[in-house]
């Protein structure tokens, strides 16, 4: 079987406790990209395949 792959990392600080971001929701857009809501950074991250 396939092994899992980390697509998004870096949401915890170097101490492993401090939240630099907190993904709270995910959906795909019309192109198939992932849209990830981050409520700590108040940001929507778009993750797509390399071109």
Protein backbone atom coordinates (compact mmCIF):
# COMPACT_ATOMS: atom_id res chain seq x y z
CA UNK A 1 0.00 0.00 0.00
CA UNK A 2 0.87 3.62 -0.37
CA UNK A 3 2.62 5.42 2.46
CA UNK A 4 1.21 8.71 3.79
CA UNK A 5 2.95 11.92 2.73
CA UNK A 6 3.00 15.20 4.68
CA UNK A 7 1.58 17.96 2.46
CA UNK A 8 1.50 20.75 5.03
CA UNK A 9 3.92 21.10 7.91
CA UNK A 10 5.29 23.88 10.08
CA UNK A 11 2.16 24.65 12.09
CA UNK A 12 4.04 24.10 15.37
CA UNK A 13 6.98 26.15 16.57
CA UNK A 14 10.39 24.62 17.21
CA UNK A 15 9.37 23.83 20.79
CA UNK A 16 6.60 21.57 19.46
CA UNK A 17 3.99 23.40 21.52
CA UNK A 18 3.59 26.92 20.14
CA UNK A 19 0.95 27.10 17.40
CA UNK A 20 2.18 28.97 14.32
CA UNK A 21 -1.04 28.00 12.59
CA UNK A 22 -3.98 25.70 13.16
CA UNK A 23 -5.67 24.04 10.19
CA UNK A 24 -9.37 23.74 10.98
CA UNK A 25 -10.98 22.94 7.63
CA UNK A 26 -10.16 21.62 4.19
CA UNK A 27 -11.99 21.54 0.87
CA UNK A 28 -11.01 21.19 -2.79
CA UNK A 29 -11.55 23.90 -5.39
CA UNK A 30 -12.62 23.47 -9.03
CA UNK A 31 -9.02 22.74 -10.11
CA UNK A 32 -8.52 20.02 -7.50
CA UNK A 33 -6.29 22.13 -5.24
CA UNK A 34 -6.72 21.83 -1.48
CA UNK A 35 -7.90 24.93 0.37
CA UNK A 36 -6.98 24.80 4.05
CA UNK A 37 -8.43 27.24 6.59
CA UNK A 38 -5.98 28.32 9.33
CA UNK A 39 -7.68 30.11 12.23
CA UNK A 40 -4.47 31.13 14.04
CA UNK A 41 -2.97 32.85 11.00
CA UNK A 42 -6.41 33.90 9.70
CA UNK A 43 -5.31 32.51 6.33
CA UNK A 44 -6.57 30.24 3.57
CA UNK A 45 -3.71 28.10 2.23
CA UNK A 46 -3.97 26.77 -1.34
CA UNK A 47 -2.06 23.55 -2.03
CA UNK A 48 -1.74 22.41 -5.64
CA UNK A 49 0.38 20.07 -7.72
CA UNK A 50 3.74 21.31 -8.99
CA UNK A 51 3.60 22.69 -12.52
